[in-house]
Amino acid sequence: MKVLDGLELTGYIKERQLKQVRALRQSWRVIPRLAIVRTGDNPVIDIYTRLKRIYGEDILIEVDIYNPSESELLGQIDKLNHDENTHGIIIQLPLSNPSQTVSAVNAVTPEKDVDGLGINSSFTPATAMAIDWLLAGYNIELANKKIAIIGNDRLVGTPLYKMWRKAGLDVSVYDDQTKDLASVVMLADIIVAATGIPGLIKTEMIKNGAVVVDAGTASENDQIIGDIADDVRQRTDLTITPIKGGVGPLTVAALFDNVTTSARKVADQKGQQDI
């Protein structure tokens, strides 16, 4: 079994990002800043926000966390949109009131929508970018391969499908309601699972020698678990992400890449004004 270790790749990316952020701070006096907006009290969300804050500290990006009430959510986003010192805004999902999700992500100004979830965002969604980075980092060839994405949500499946279709790849998207899902997945050379349904993808659904990326996240007993059943990881013929340290670390890295890009645009504008 070959392991797609996102943590290993993240180390190289962080070195590059730290150099970029230092240059922004020293040469342009621009301090990159990310705002994380969440609602409610959720232990899994606590984990996500803490990891992002730690990552930001490692590469000298400031991370501010806001937890407004449901009634104050859109007002908080508007304030951050107009704050020139905030370069990126993410809405940490799920919100305590999921019905607010669409209005919240679309309320973030496109130039600061570093998660890429709004309809007019200037950025590629972080998880989709992370999966692309992961496969490229391990020299997984996508051309002339049959690719199956299971899950079509706004975080992973839909943006990844659009990205790869635009690149001319042979990619199809399915979900847990797809008729005879096992048969269509069995045809795929590369499988990306992103439904949030624990254990959905079982070993009998996966062909010999396939590449398997588990991008699903669900919470059970305050633990984050994926879409791939335990028996899949007993096989030796697959190239697969680990239980921990696969897509997740690279998703955070991709997010901060977008924050850095946003801050660099501000620096470029300063440079033009100084000419």
C-alpha atoms as a PDB file:
ATOM      1  CA  MET A   1       0.000   0.000   0.000  1.00  0.00           C
ATOM      2  CA  LYS A   2       1.269   3.456  -0.924  1.00  0.00           C
ATOM      3  CA  VAL A   3       0.237   6.258   1.454  1.00  0.00           C
ATOM      4  CA  LEU A   4      -0.653   9.758   0.239  1.00  0.00           C
ATOM      5  CA  ASP A   5       0.800  11.700   3.163  1.00  0.00           C
ATOM      6  CA  GLY A   6      -0.501  15.263   3.139  1.00  0.00           C
ATOM      7  CA  LEU A   7       1.512  16.205   6.204  1.00  0.00           C
ATOM      8  CA  GLU A   8       4.785  15.538   4.403  1.00  0.00           C
ATOM      9  CA  LEU A   9       3.831  17.810   1.513  1.00  0.00           C
ATOM     10  CA  THR A  10       2.556  20.496   3.886  1.00  0.00           C
ATOM     11  CA  GLY A  11       6.020  20.917   5.369  1.00  0.00           C
ATOM     12  CA  TYR A  12       7.436  22.080   2.036  1.00  0.00           C
ATOM     13  CA  ILE A  13       4.478  24.368   1.394  1.00  0.00           C
ATOM     14  CA  LYS A  14       4.816  26.023   4.809  1.00  0.00           C
ATOM     15  CA  GLU A  15       8.454  26.883   4.123  1.00  0.00           C
ATOM     16  CA  ARG A  16       7.441  28.682   0.931  1.00  0.00           C
ATOM     17  CA  GLN A  17       4.536  30.453   2.608  1.00  0.00           C
ATOM     18  CA  LEU A  18       6.673  31.660   5.514  1.00  0.00           C
ATOM     19  CA  LYS A  19       9.123  33.284   3.083  1.00  0.00           C
ATOM     20  CA  GLN A  20       6.232  34.955   1.239  1.00  0.00           C
ATOM     21  CA  VAL A  21       4.642  36.293   4.429  1.00  0.00           C
ATOM     22  CA  ARG A  22       7.968  37.585   5.749  1.00  0.00           C
ATOM     23  CA  ALA A  23       8.450  39.496   2.502  1.00  0.00           C
ATOM     24  CA  LEU A  24       4.972  41.025   2.801  1.00  0.00           C
ATOM     25  CA  ARG A  25       5.634  42.089   6.375  1.00  0.00           C
ATOM     26  CA  GLN A  26       9.160  43.414   5.856  1.00  0.00           C
ATOM     27  CA  SER A  27       9.022  44.935   2.385  1.00  0.00           C
ATOM     28  CA  TRP A  28       5.448  46.162   2.234  1.00  0.00           C
ATOM     29  CA  ARG A  29       4.412  46.423   5.898  1.00  0.00           C
ATOM     30  CA  VAL A  30       1.388  44.260   5.071  1.00  0.00           C
ATOM     31  CA  ILE A  31       0.429  41.865   7.891  1.00  0.00           C
ATOM     32  CA  PRO A  32      -1.742  39.088   6.405  1.00  0.00           C
ATOM     33  CA  ARG A  33      -4.848  38.486   8.510  1.00  0.00           C
ATOM     34  CA  LEU A  34      -7.527  35.790   8.373  1.00  0.00           C
ATOM     35  CA  ALA A  35     -10.918  36.091  10.076  1.00  0.00           C
ATOM     36  CA  ILE A  36     -12.751  32.884  10.984  1.00  0.00           C
ATOM     37  CA  VAL A  37     -16.465  33.372  11.606  1.00  0.00           C
ATOM     38  CA  ARG A  38     -18.362  30.623  13.388  1.00  0.00           C
ATOM     39  CA  THR A  39     -21.577  30.297  15.352  1.00  0.00           C
ATOM     40  CA  GLY A  40     -22.544  28.093  18.271  1.00  0.00           C
ATOM     41  CA  ASP A  41     -20.522  25.695  20.399  1.00  0.00           C
ATOM     42  CA  ASN A  42     -19.209  22.626  18.565  1.00  0.00           C
ATOM     43  CA  PRO A  43     -16.167  20.598  19.755  1.00  0.00           C
ATOM     44  CA  VAL A  44     -15.239  19.560  16.203  1.00  0.00           C
ATOM     45  CA  ILE A  45     -15.339  23.189  15.072  1.00  0.00           C
ATOM     46  CA  ASP A  46     -13.075  23.997  18.018  1.00  0.00           C
ATOM     47  CA  ILE A  47     -10.525  21.545  16.601  1.00  0.00           C
ATOM     48  CA  TYR A  48     -10.678  23.047  13.119  1.00  0.00           C
ATOM     49  CA  THR A  49     -10.312  26.632  14.309  1.00  0.00           C
ATOM     50  CA  ARG A  50      -7.468  25.757  16.673  1.00  0.00           C
ATOM     51  CA  LEU A  51      -5.523  24.005  13.919  1.00  0.00           C
ATOM     52  CA  LYS A  52      -5.929  26.995  11.636  1.00  0.00           C
ATOM     53  CA  ARG A  53      -4.783  29.407  14.313  1.00  0.00           C
ATOM     54  CA  ILE A  54      -1.676  27.291  14.968  1.00  0.00           C
ATOM     55  CA  TYR A  55      -0.892  27.077  11.253  1.00  0.00           C
ATOM     56  CA  GLY A  56      -1.257  30.837  10.947  1.00  0.00           C
ATOM     57  CA  GLU A  57       1.155  31.389  13.827  1.00  0.00           C
ATOM     58  CA  ASP A  58       3.699  29.116  12.142  1.00  0.00           C
ATOM     59  CA  ILE A  59       3.786  31.248   8.983  1.00  0.00           C
ATOM     60  CA  LEU A  60       3.244  34.653  10.669  1.00  0.00           C
ATOM     61  CA  ILE A  61      -0.368  35.146   9.534  1.00  0.00           C
ATOM     62  CA  GLU A  62      -2.705  36.659  12.120  1.00  0.00           C
ATOM     63  CA  VAL A  63      -5.879  34.642  12.771  1.00  0.00           C
ATOM     64  CA  ASP A  64      -8.914  36.199  14.460  1.00  0.00           C
ATOM     65  CA  ILE A  65     -11.893  34.064  15.507  1.00  0.00           C
ATOM     66  CA  TYR A  66     -15.384  35.548  15.769  1.00  0.00           C
ATOM     67  CA  ASN A  67     -18.418  33.796  17.259  1.00  0.00           C
ATOM     68  CA  PRO A  68     -21.437  36.066  16.712  1.00  0.00           C
ATOM     69  CA  SER A  69     -24.995  35.087  17.485  1.00  0.00           C
ATOM     70  CA  GLU A  70     -27.144  33.899  14.595  1.00  0.00           C
ATOM     71  CA  SER A  71     -28.843  37.305  14.433  1.00  0.00           C
ATOM     72  CA  GLU A  72     -25.468  39.108  14.342  1.00  0.00           C
ATOM     73  CA  LEU A  73     -23.812  36.815  11.785  1.00  0.00           C
ATOM     74  CA  LEU A  74     -24.356  38.853   8.614  1.00  0.00           C
ATOM     75  CA  GLY A  75     -23.521  42.094  10.390  1.00  0.00           C
ATOM     76  CA  GLN A  76     -20.205  40.636  11.555  1.00  0.00           C
ATOM     77  CA  ILE A  77     -19.356  39.537   8.027  1.00  0.00           C
ATOM     78  CA  ASP A  78     -20.153  43.007   6.689  1.00  0.00           C
ATOM     79  CA  LYS A  79     -17.809  44.628   9.227  1.00  0.00           C
ATOM     80  CA  LEU A  80     -14.993  42.318   8.191  1.00  0.00           C
ATOM     81  CA  ASN A  81     -15.673  42.977   4.504  1.00  0.00           C
ATOM     82  CA  HIS A  82     -14.986  46.653   5.151  1.00  0.00           C
ATOM     83  CA  ASP A  83     -11.965  46.109   7.411  1.00  0.00           C
ATOM     84  CA  GLU A  84      -8.906  46.885   5.272  1.00  0.00           C
ATOM     85  CA  ASN A  85      -6.654  44.985   7.675  1.00  0.00           C
ATOM     86  CA  THR A  86      -8.538  41.709   7.119  1.00  0.00           C
ATOM     87  CA  HIS A  87      -7.388  39.946   3.949  1.00  0.00           C
ATOM     88  CA  GLY A  88      -9.379  36.725   4.169  1.00  0.00           C
ATOM     89  CA  ILE A  89     -12.702  35.657   5.682  1.00  0.00           C
ATOM     90  CA  ILE A  90     -13.990  32.127   6.091  1.00  0.00           C
ATOM     91  CA  ILE A  91     -17.316  30.904   7.415  1.00  0.00           C
ATOM     92  CA  GLN A  92     -16.479  27.843   9.508  1.00  0.00           C
ATOM     93  CA  LEU A  93     -19.080  25.204   8.660  1.00  0.00           C
ATOM     94  CA  PRO A  94     -21.340  23.813   9.855  1.00  0.00           C
ATOM     95  CA  LEU A  95     -23.064  26.838  11.340  1.00  0.00           C
ATOM     96  CA  SER A  96     -25.317  26.350  14.353  1.00  0.00           C
ATOM     97  CA  ASN A  97     -28.210  27.202  12.014  1.00  0.00           C
ATOM     98  CA  PRO A  98     -27.418  25.474   8.683  1.00  0.00           C
ATOM     99  CA  SER A  99     -30.167  27.442   6.931  1.00  0.00           C
ATOM    100  CA  GLN A 100     -27.869  30.479   7.153  1.00  0.00           C
ATOM    101  CA  THR A 101     -25.059  28.791   5.223  1.00  0.00           C
ATOM    102  CA  VAL A 102     -25.842  30.056   1.719  1.00  0.00           C
ATOM    103  CA  SER A 103     -26.509  33.641   2.789  1.00  0.00           C
ATOM    104  CA  ALA A 104     -23.393  33.689   4.987  1.00  0.00           C
ATOM    105  CA  VAL A 105     -20.883  32.369   2.439  1.00  0.00           C
ATOM    106  CA  ASN A 106     -22.310  34.620  -0.274  1.00  0.00           C
ATOM    107  CA  ALA A 107     -22.113  37.638   2.050  1.00  0.00           C
ATOM    108  CA  VAL A 108     -18.306  37.455   2.083  1.00  0.00           C
ATOM    109  CA  THR A 109     -16.861  39.853  -0.479  1.00  0.00           C
ATOM    110  CA  PRO A 110     -15.341  37.838  -3.380  1.00  0.00           C
ATOM    111  CA  GLU A 111     -11.866  39.349  -2.880  1.00  0.00           C
ATOM    112  CA  LYS A 112     -11.759  38.018   0.706  1.00  0.00           C
ATOM    113  CA  ASP A 113     -13.602  34.720   0.163  1.00  0.00           C
ATOM    114  CA  VAL A 114     -10.470  32.601   0.634  1.00  0.00           C
ATOM    115  CA  ASP A 115     -12.514  29.415   1.150  1.00  0.00           C
ATOM    116  CA  GLY A 116     -13.929  29.871  -2.348  1.00  0.00           C
ATOM    117  CA  LEU A 117     -17.485  29.026  -1.305  1.00  0.00           C
ATOM    118  CA  GLY A 118     -19.363  32.122  -2.476  1.00  0.00           C
ATOM    119  CA  ILE A 119     -20.887  32.210  -5.943  1.00  0.00           C
ATOM    120  CA  ASN A 120     -18.532  34.978  -7.097  1.00  0.00           C
ATOM    121  CA  SER A 121     -15.396  34.060  -5.129  1.00  0.00           C
ATOM    122  CA  SER A 122     -12.023  34.995  -6.579  1.00  0.00           C
ATOM    123  CA  PHE A 123     -10.458  31.818  -5.162  1.00  0.00           C
ATOM    124  CA  THR A 124     -10.427  28.068  -5.774  1.00  0.00           C
ATOM    125  CA  PRO A 125     -12.038  26.241  -2.813  1.00  0.00           C
ATOM    126  CA  ALA A 126      -9.327  25.085  -0.435  1.00  0.00           C
ATOM    127  CA  THR A 127     -10.244  21.383  -0.196  1.00  0.00           C
ATOM    128  CA  ALA A 128     -10.493  20.960  -3.957  1.00  0.00           C
ATOM    129  CA  MET A 129      -7.100  22.643  -4.340  1.00  0.00           C
ATOM    130  CA  ALA A 130      -5.675  20.409  -1.602  1.00  0.00           C
ATOM    131  CA  ILE A 131      -6.763  17.197  -3.326  1.00  0.00           C
ATOM    132  CA  ASP A 132      -5.250  18.394  -6.595  1.00  0.00           C
ATOM    133  CA  TRP A 133      -2.000  19.273  -4.791  1.00  0.00           C
ATOM    134  CA  LEU A 134      -1.931  15.911  -3.017  1.00  0.00           C
ATOM    135  CA  LEU A 135      -2.189  13.860  -6.196  1.00  0.00           C
ATOM    136  CA  ALA A 136       0.277  16.074  -8.053  1.00  0.00           C
ATOM    137  CA  GLY A 137       2.718  15.898  -5.147  1.00  0.00           C
ATOM    138  CA  TYR A 138       2.823  12.108  -5.420  1.00  0.00           C
ATOM    139  CA  ASN A 139       2.966  12.141  -9.220  1.00  0.00           C
ATOM    140  CA  ILE A 140      -0.450  10.549  -9.643  1.00  0.00           C
ATOM    141  CA  GLU A 141      -1.298  10.884 -13.329  1.00  0.00           C
ATOM    142  CA  LEU A 142      -4.900  12.016 -13.881  1.00  0.00           C
ATOM    143  CA  ALA A 143      -4.973  12.132 -17.667  1.00  0.00           C
ATOM    144  CA  ASN A 144      -6.457   9.093 -19.385  1.00  0.00           C
ATOM    145  CA  LYS A 145      -7.764   7.800 -16.056  1.00  0.00           C
ATOM    146  CA  LYS A 146     -11.374   7.256 -15.045  1.00  0.00           C
ATOM    147  CA  ILE A 147     -12.080   9.423 -11.991  1.00  0.00           C
ATOM    148  CA  ALA A 148     -15.065   9.080  -9.661  1.00  0.00           C
ATOM    149  CA  ILE A 149     -15.982  11.760  -7.124  1.00  0.00           C
ATOM    150  CA  ILE A 150     -18.527  10.574  -4.575  1.00  0.00           C
ATOM    151  CA  GLY A 151     -20.241  13.563  -3.008  1.00  0.00           C
ATOM    152  CA  ASN A 152     -21.321  16.789  -4.696  1.00  0.00           C
ATOM    153  CA  ASP A 153     -21.324  19.352  -1.896  1.00  0.00           C
ATOM    154  CA  ARG A 154     -20.064  22.937  -2.172  1.00  0.00           C
ATOM    155  CA  LEU A 155     -16.931  22.206  -0.137  1.00  0.00           C
ATOM    156  CA  VAL A 156     -15.380  19.384  -2.130  1.00  0.00           C
ATOM    157  CA  GLY A 157     -17.265  17.485  -4.791  1.00  0.00           C
ATOM    158  CA  THR A 158     -18.747  20.259  -6.904  1.00  0.00           C
ATOM    159  CA  PRO A 159     -15.655  22.530  -7.128  1.00  0.00           C
ATOM    160  CA  LEU A 160     -13.303  19.590  -7.679  1.00  0.00           C
ATOM    161  CA  TYR A 161     -15.524  18.234 -10.457  1.00  0.00           C
ATOM    162  CA  LYS A 162     -15.593  21.642 -12.162  1.00  0.00           C
ATOM    163  CA  MET A 163     -11.808  22.022 -11.831  1.00  0.00           C
ATOM    164  CA  TRP A 164     -11.031  18.644 -13.325  1.00  0.00           C
ATOM    165  CA  ARG A 165     -13.661  18.861 -16.061  1.00  0.00           C
ATOM    166  CA  LYS A 166     -12.178  22.209 -17.083  1.00  0.00           C
ATOM    167  CA  ALA A 167      -8.801  20.468 -17.305  1.00  0.00           C
ATOM    168  CA  GLY A 168     -10.310  17.963 -19.738  1.00  0.00           C
ATOM    169  CA  LEU A 169     -10.224  14.963 -17.404  1.00  0.00           C
ATOM    170  CA  ASP A 170     -12.579  11.981 -17.498  1.00  0.00           C
ATOM    171  CA  VAL A 171     -14.382  12.668 -14.230  1.00  0.00           C
ATOM    172  CA  SER A 172     -17.873  11.813 -13.006  1.00  0.00           C
ATOM    173  CA  VAL A 173     -19.617  12.808  -9.791  1.00  0.00           C
ATOM    174  CA  TYR A 174     -21.934  10.572  -7.780  1.00  0.00           C
ATOM    175  CA  ASP A 175     -23.493  10.539  -4.328  1.00  0.00           C
ATOM    176  CA  ASP A 176     -24.937   8.044  -1.870  1.00  0.00           C
ATOM    177  CA  GLN A 177     -28.247   8.105  -3.790  1.00  0.00           C
ATOM    178  CA  THR A 178     -26.654   6.994  -7.063  1.00  0.00           C
ATOM    179  CA  LYS A 179     -28.257   3.828  -8.359  1.00  0.00           C
ATOM    180  CA  ASP A 180     -25.883   0.854  -8.049  1.00  0.00           C
ATOM    181  CA  LEU A 181     -23.105   3.060  -6.672  1.00  0.00           C
ATOM    182  CA  ALA A 182     -20.814   0.090  -6.121  1.00  0.00           C
ATOM    183  CA  SER A 183     -20.746  -0.803  -9.804  1.00  0.00           C
ATOM    184  CA  VAL A 184     -19.874   2.674 -11.072  1.00  0.00           C
ATOM    185  CA  VAL A 185     -17.199   3.201  -8.424  1.00  0.00           C
ATOM    186  CA  MET A 186     -15.667  -0.166  -9.307  1.00  0.00           C
ATOM    187  CA  LEU A 187     -14.848   1.194 -12.780  1.00  0.00           C
ATOM    188  CA  ALA A 188     -12.788   4.103 -11.441  1.00  0.00           C
ATOM    189  CA  ASP A 189      -9.004   4.288 -11.415  1.00  0.00           C
ATOM    190  CA  ILE A 190      -9.107   7.238  -8.998  1.00  0.00           C
ATOM    191  CA  ILE A 191     -11.744   7.630  -6.284  1.00  0.00           C
ATOM    192  CA  VAL A 192     -12.374  10.753  -4.221  1.00  0.00           C
ATOM    193  CA  ALA A 193     -14.880  10.153  -1.426  1.00  0.00           C
ATOM    194  CA  ALA A 194     -16.437  13.270   0.086  1.00  0.00           C
ATOM    195  CA  THR A 195     -19.915  12.465   1.358  1.00  0.00           C
ATOM    196  CA  GLY A 196     -19.477  12.647   5.122  1.00  0.00           C
ATOM    197  CA  ILE A 197     -21.078   9.194   5.432  1.00  0.00           C
ATOM    198  CA  PRO A 198     -18.790   6.979   7.550  1.00  0.00           C
ATOM    199  CA  GLY A 199     -17.774   3.697   5.917  1.00  0.00           C
ATOM    200  CA  LEU A 200     -19.727   4.309   2.698  1.00  0.00           C
ATOM    201  CA  ILE A 201     -16.899   3.141   0.429  1.00  0.00           C
ATOM    202  CA  LYS A 202     -16.163  -0.531   1.062  1.00  0.00           C
ATOM    203  CA  THR A 203     -13.382  -2.716  -0.265  1.00  0.00           C
ATOM    204  CA  GLU A 204     -15.577  -4.627  -2.721  1.00  0.00           C
ATOM    205  CA  MET A 205     -16.329  -1.298  -4.472  1.00  0.00           C
ATOM    206  CA  ILE A 206     -12.686  -0.603  -5.315  1.00  0.00           C
ATOM    207  CA  LYS A 207     -10.744  -2.121  -8.214  1.00  0.00           C
ATOM    208  CA  ASN A 208      -7.225  -3.477  -7.836  1.00  0.00           C
ATOM    209  CA  GLY A 209      -4.524  -0.819  -7.873  1.00  0.00           C
ATOM    210  CA  ALA A 210      -6.889   2.123  -7.503  1.00  0.00           C
ATOM    211  CA  VAL A 211      -5.997   5.496  -5.982  1.00  0.00           C
ATOM    212  CA  VAL A 212      -8.324   6.381  -3.087  1.00  0.00           C
ATOM    213  CA  VAL A 213      -8.646   9.829  -1.511  1.00  0.00           C
ATOM    214  CA  ASP A 214     -10.806  10.049   1.603  1.00  0.00           C
ATOM    215  CA  ALA A 215     -12.003  13.641   1.898  1.00  0.00           C
ATOM    216  CA  GLY A 216     -15.138  12.824   3.865  1.00  0.00           C
ATOM    217  CA  THR A 217     -15.557  14.227   7.351  1.00  0.00           C
ATOM    218  CA  ALA A 218     -18.153  13.216   9.915  1.00  0.00           C
ATOM    219  CA  SER A 219     -18.225  13.496  13.679  1.00  0.00           C
ATOM    220  CA  GLU A 220     -18.777  10.541  16.001  1.00  0.00           C
ATOM    221  CA  ASN A 221     -18.111  10.902  19.723  1.00  0.00           C
ATOM    222  CA  ASP A 222     -16.218  14.136  18.987  1.00  0.00           C
ATOM    223  CA  GLN A 223     -13.925  12.240  16.608  1.00  0.00           C
ATOM    224  CA  ILE A 224     -13.541  13.091  12.914  1.00  0.00           C
ATOM    225  CA  ILE A 225     -13.958  10.050  10.679  1.00  0.00           C
ATOM    226  CA  GLY A 226     -13.993   9.545   6.920  1.00  0.00           C
ATOM    227  CA  ASP A 227     -15.940   7.807   4.159  1.00  0.00           C
ATOM    228  CA  ILE A 228     -13.613   4.832   3.698  1.00  0.00           C
ATOM    229  CA  ALA A 229     -14.460   1.616   5.533  1.00  0.00           C
ATOM    230  CA  ASP A 230     -11.800   0.087   7.777  1.00  0.00           C
ATOM    231  CA  ASP A 231     -11.408  -3.029   5.637  1.00  0.00           C
ATOM    232  CA  VAL A 232     -10.182  -0.952   2.684  1.00  0.00           C
ATOM    233  CA  ARG A 233      -7.010  -0.038   4.571  1.00  0.00           C
ATOM    234  CA  GLN A 234      -6.104  -3.701   5.022  1.00  0.00           C
ATOM    235  CA  ARG A 235      -5.361  -3.987   1.307  1.00  0.00           C
ATOM    236  CA  THR A 236      -1.811  -3.712  -0.027  1.00  0.00           C
ATOM    237  CA  ASP A 237      -2.585  -2.908  -3.674  1.00  0.00           C
ATOM    238  CA  LEU A 238      -4.031   0.573  -3.176  1.00  0.00           C
ATOM    239  CA  THR A 239      -2.605   4.094  -3.100  1.00  0.00           C
ATOM    240  CA  ILE A 240      -4.612   5.757  -0.344  1.00  0.00           C
ATOM    241  CA  THR A 241      -4.750   8.647   2.106  1.00  0.00           C
ATOM    242  CA  PRO A 242      -4.072   7.784   5.764  1.00  0.00           C
ATOM    243  CA  ILE A 243      -6.752   7.915   8.454  1.00  0.00           C
ATOM    244  CA  LYS A 244      -5.231  11.212   9.603  1.00  0.00           C
ATOM    245  CA  GLY A 245      -2.896  13.553   7.771  1.00  0.00           C
ATOM    246  CA  GLY A 246      -4.174  13.123   4.223  1.00  0.00           C
ATOM    247  CA  VAL A 247      -6.304  15.874   2.713  1.00  0.00           C
ATOM    248  CA  GLY A 248      -6.856  17.832   5.943  1.00  0.00           C
ATOM    249  CA  PRO A 249      -3.395  19.367   6.412  1.00  0.00           C
ATOM    250  CA  LEU A 250      -3.205  20.368   2.761  1.00  0.00           C
ATOM    251  CA  THR A 251      -6.655  21.964   2.955  1.00  0.00           C
ATOM    252  CA  VAL A 252      -5.395  24.263   5.686  1.00  0.00           C
ATOM    253  CA  ALA A 253      -2.261  24.977   3.634  1.00  0.00           C
ATOM    254  CA  ALA A 254      -4.363  25.805   0.559  1.00  0.00           C
ATOM    255  CA  LEU A 255      -6.558  28.122   2.612  1.00  0.00           C
ATOM    256  CA  PHE A 256      -3.539  30.077   3.813  1.00  0.00           C
ATOM    257  CA  ASP A 257      -2.157  30.165   0.285  1.00  0.00           C
ATOM    258  CA  ASN A 258      -5.317  32.042  -0.663  1.00  0.00           C
ATOM    259  CA  VAL A 259      -4.922  34.395   2.308  1.00  0.00           C
ATOM    260  CA  THR A 260      -1.354  35.128   1.224  1.00  0.00           C
ATOM    261  CA  THR A 261      -2.516  35.783  -2.334  1.00  0.00           C
ATOM    262  CA  SER A 262      -5.147  38.227  -1.071  1.00  0.00           C
ATOM    263  CA  ALA A 263      -2.595  40.074   1.067  1.00  0.00           C
ATOM    264  CA  ARG A 264      -0.149  40.200  -1.826  1.00  0.00           C
ATOM    265  CA  LYS A 265      -2.785  41.958  -3.954  1.00  0.00           C
ATOM    266  CA  VAL A 266      -2.999  44.626  -1.264  1.00  0.00           C
ATOM    267  CA  ALA A 267       0.791  44.960  -1.344  1.00  0.00           C
ATOM    268  CA  ASP A 268       0.712  45.287  -5.134  1.00  0.00           C
ATOM    269  CA  GLN A 269      -1.852  48.077  -4.834  1.00  0.00           C
ATOM    270  CA  LYS A 270       0.398  49.856  -2.336  1.00  0.00           C
ATOM    271  CA  GLY A 271       3.294  49.530  -4.735  1.00  0.00           C
ATOM    272  CA  GLN A 272       1.289  51.081  -7.565  1.00  0.00           C
ATOM    273  CA  GLN A 273       0.279  53.972  -5.328  1.00  0.00           C
ATOM    274  CA  ASP A 274       3.916  54.623  -4.450  1.00  0.00           C
ATOM    275  CA  ILE A 275       4.972  54.920  -8.090  1.00  0.00           C
END
